[in-house]
Amino acid sequence: MLPGLLHVHHIAIICSDYAASKHFYTEVLGLQIVREVYRAERQSYKLDLALNGQYLIELFSFPAPPPRPSRPEAAGLRHLAFAVADLDAAVARLEALGVTYEPIRVDEFTGRRFTFFFDPDQLPLELYEVPGPL
């Protein structure tokens, strides 16, 4: 193990439509805004987001970012997974907000249920059901 390695600090995501992504991550997923800044010299927004008080995502906007291929399975980050206690309730909320998700599957190794959906830039996101308190 790398000495001093503690945990994942944050995940950085570059979006193509800042308003749409900000809405998605705050209104659809319900992440809390920690800080939002506009960096004029980079023509870039940086939105710091938390989940249950834990710093989690840095959402960036940049002028005309190149698209990142994700299908077929491209090299690099495959997806970002969120643990949920009740997958049925979570997908019902996605449905109510008009967010399309894949059919629920069962992990062949753990027996846990999961599904995938996508952010406004088609970044694959996963909801993975875990037992009891998180």
Foldseek 3Di string as FASTA:
>chain_A
DPPPDDDDQEAEEEDADVVQQVCCVCVLVNWDWPDWDQDVVQRKIWTFTHDPPGTYYTYMYGHDDDADDPPPNDPDDNAAEDEDADVVVSVVSCVVVVWDKDDWDADPVPRWIKIWTAGPSRGIYMYTHDHDDD
